[in-house]
N, C-alpha and C. Protein backbone atom coordinates (compact mmCIF):
# COMPACT_ATOMS: atom_id res chain seq x y z
N MET A 1 1.61 -1.28 8.37
CA MET A 1 1.19 -1.82 9.62
C MET A 1 2.16 -1.38 10.73
N ILE A 2 3.44 -1.44 10.45
CA ILE A 2 4.43 -1.04 11.46
C ILE A 2 4.33 0.48 11.67
N PHE A 3 4.13 1.24 10.60
CA PHE A 3 3.96 2.67 10.72
C PHE A 3 2.75 3.03 11.58
N LEU A 4 1.64 2.31 11.37
CA LEU A 4 0.41 2.57 12.14
C LEU A 4 0.65 2.25 13.63
N GLY A 5 1.32 1.14 13.90
CA GLY A 5 1.59 0.79 15.31
C GLY A 5 2.51 1.80 15.97
N ALA A 6 3.51 2.24 15.25
CA ALA A 6 4.44 3.25 15.83
C ALA A 6 3.70 4.58 16.06
N THR A 7 2.85 4.97 15.14
CA THR A 7 2.09 6.19 15.30
C THR A 7 1.11 6.11 16.49
N LEU A 8 0.42 4.99 16.60
CA LEU A 8 -0.49 4.83 17.73
C LEU A 8 0.25 4.85 19.08
N SER A 9 1.39 4.20 19.11
CA SER A 9 2.18 4.21 20.36
C SER A 9 2.68 5.60 20.70
N ARG A 10 3.09 6.37 19.70
CA ARG A 10 3.55 7.73 19.93
C ARG A 10 2.42 8.62 20.42
N LEU A 11 1.23 8.45 19.84
CA LEU A 11 0.07 9.26 20.27
C LEU A 11 -0.39 8.89 21.68
N ALA A 12 -0.21 7.64 22.05
CA ALA A 12 -0.68 7.18 23.34
C ALA A 12 0.34 7.32 24.46
N SER A 13 1.45 7.96 24.20
CA SER A 13 2.52 7.98 25.18
C SER A 13 2.16 8.69 26.49
N ASP A 14 1.27 9.67 26.49
CA ASP A 14 0.92 10.39 27.70
C ASP A 14 -0.43 9.99 28.29
N HIS A 15 -1.16 9.12 27.62
CA HIS A 15 -2.51 8.75 28.08
C HIS A 15 -2.53 7.27 28.42
N TYR A 16 -2.77 6.99 29.71
CA TYR A 16 -2.72 5.61 30.17
C TYR A 16 -3.82 4.75 29.52
N TRP A 17 -5.04 5.29 29.42
CA TRP A 17 -6.14 4.49 28.88
C TRP A 17 -5.92 4.21 27.40
N LEU A 18 -5.37 5.15 26.67
CA LEU A 18 -5.08 4.95 25.24
C LEU A 18 -3.95 3.97 25.06
N LEU A 19 -2.95 4.05 25.93
CA LEU A 19 -1.83 3.10 25.88
C LEU A 19 -2.32 1.69 26.16
N SER A 20 -3.26 1.55 27.09
CA SER A 20 -3.84 0.24 27.36
C SER A 20 -4.64 -0.29 26.16
N ALA A 21 -5.34 0.59 25.46
CA ALA A 21 -6.06 0.16 24.27
C ALA A 21 -5.10 -0.29 23.15
N VAL A 22 -3.98 0.42 23.00
CA VAL A 22 -2.98 0.01 22.01
C VAL A 22 -2.39 -1.33 22.39
N ALA A 23 -2.11 -1.56 23.64
CA ALA A 23 -1.59 -2.85 24.09
C ALA A 23 -2.59 -3.96 23.84
N GLY A 24 -3.86 -3.70 24.09
CA GLY A 24 -4.91 -4.69 23.81
C GLY A 24 -4.99 -5.00 22.32
N LEU A 25 -4.86 -3.98 21.49
CA LEU A 25 -4.88 -4.16 20.05
C LEU A 25 -3.68 -5.01 19.60
N ASP A 26 -2.49 -4.74 20.18
CA ASP A 26 -1.29 -5.50 19.83
C ASP A 26 -1.46 -6.98 20.22
N ILE A 27 -2.01 -7.19 21.38
CA ILE A 27 -2.22 -8.59 21.85
C ILE A 27 -3.22 -9.32 20.96
N SER A 28 -4.29 -8.62 20.56
CA SER A 28 -5.28 -9.28 19.70
C SER A 28 -4.72 -9.61 18.32
N VAL A 29 -3.87 -8.70 17.79
CA VAL A 29 -3.24 -8.99 16.49
C VAL A 29 -2.27 -10.17 16.63
N ALA A 30 -1.53 -10.23 17.73
CA ALA A 30 -0.62 -11.34 17.93
C ALA A 30 -1.36 -12.66 18.03
N ILE A 31 -2.46 -12.70 18.74
CA ILE A 31 -3.26 -13.92 18.85
C ILE A 31 -3.80 -14.32 17.49
N ALA A 32 -4.29 -13.35 16.71
CA ALA A 32 -4.80 -13.65 15.40
C ALA A 32 -3.71 -14.22 14.48
N LEU A 33 -2.53 -13.67 14.54
CA LEU A 33 -1.42 -14.17 13.72
C LEU A 33 -1.02 -15.59 14.15
N LEU A 34 -0.99 -15.85 15.45
CA LEU A 34 -0.66 -17.21 15.89
C LEU A 34 -1.69 -18.22 15.44
N ASN A 35 -2.98 -17.87 15.55
CA ASN A 35 -4.03 -18.80 15.11
C ASN A 35 -4.04 -18.95 13.60
N GLY A 36 -3.75 -17.89 12.89
CA GLY A 36 -3.68 -17.99 11.43
C GLY A 36 -2.53 -18.88 10.99
N GLY A 37 -1.41 -18.78 11.65
CA GLY A 37 -0.29 -19.66 11.34
C GLY A 37 -0.60 -21.12 11.61
N LYS A 38 -1.35 -21.38 12.66
CA LYS A 38 -1.73 -22.75 12.97
C LYS A 38 -2.62 -23.32 11.88
N ILE A 39 -3.52 -22.51 11.36
CA ILE A 39 -4.41 -22.96 10.27
C ILE A 39 -3.63 -23.10 8.97
N PHE A 40 -2.71 -22.14 8.71
CA PHE A 40 -1.97 -22.15 7.46
C PHE A 40 -1.03 -23.35 7.37
N TRP A 41 -0.40 -23.75 8.43
CA TRP A 41 0.58 -24.83 8.41
C TRP A 41 -0.02 -26.20 8.65
N ARG A 42 -1.36 -26.29 8.67
CA ARG A 42 -2.02 -27.58 8.82
C ARG A 42 -1.76 -28.44 7.58
N PRO A 43 -1.43 -29.72 7.75
CA PRO A 43 -1.17 -30.56 6.59
C PRO A 43 -2.47 -30.76 5.78
N LEU A 44 -2.30 -30.77 4.46
CA LEU A 44 -3.42 -30.98 3.57
C LEU A 44 -3.83 -32.45 3.55
N PRO A 45 -5.14 -32.72 3.52
CA PRO A 45 -5.58 -34.11 3.43
C PRO A 45 -5.30 -34.65 2.03
N LEU A 46 -4.86 -35.88 1.96
CA LEU A 46 -4.50 -36.50 0.66
C LEU A 46 -5.61 -37.30 0.11
């Protein structure tokens, strides 16, 4: 995952629209991870 992100960032270094797409992808992954953590750490009903 880190290798893919680093490769995408390196490929997008000269293209503004592609760099914006990579930033959008990073933000969407961050939001998904935050929401997944919220669901994962929910207390179990007894």
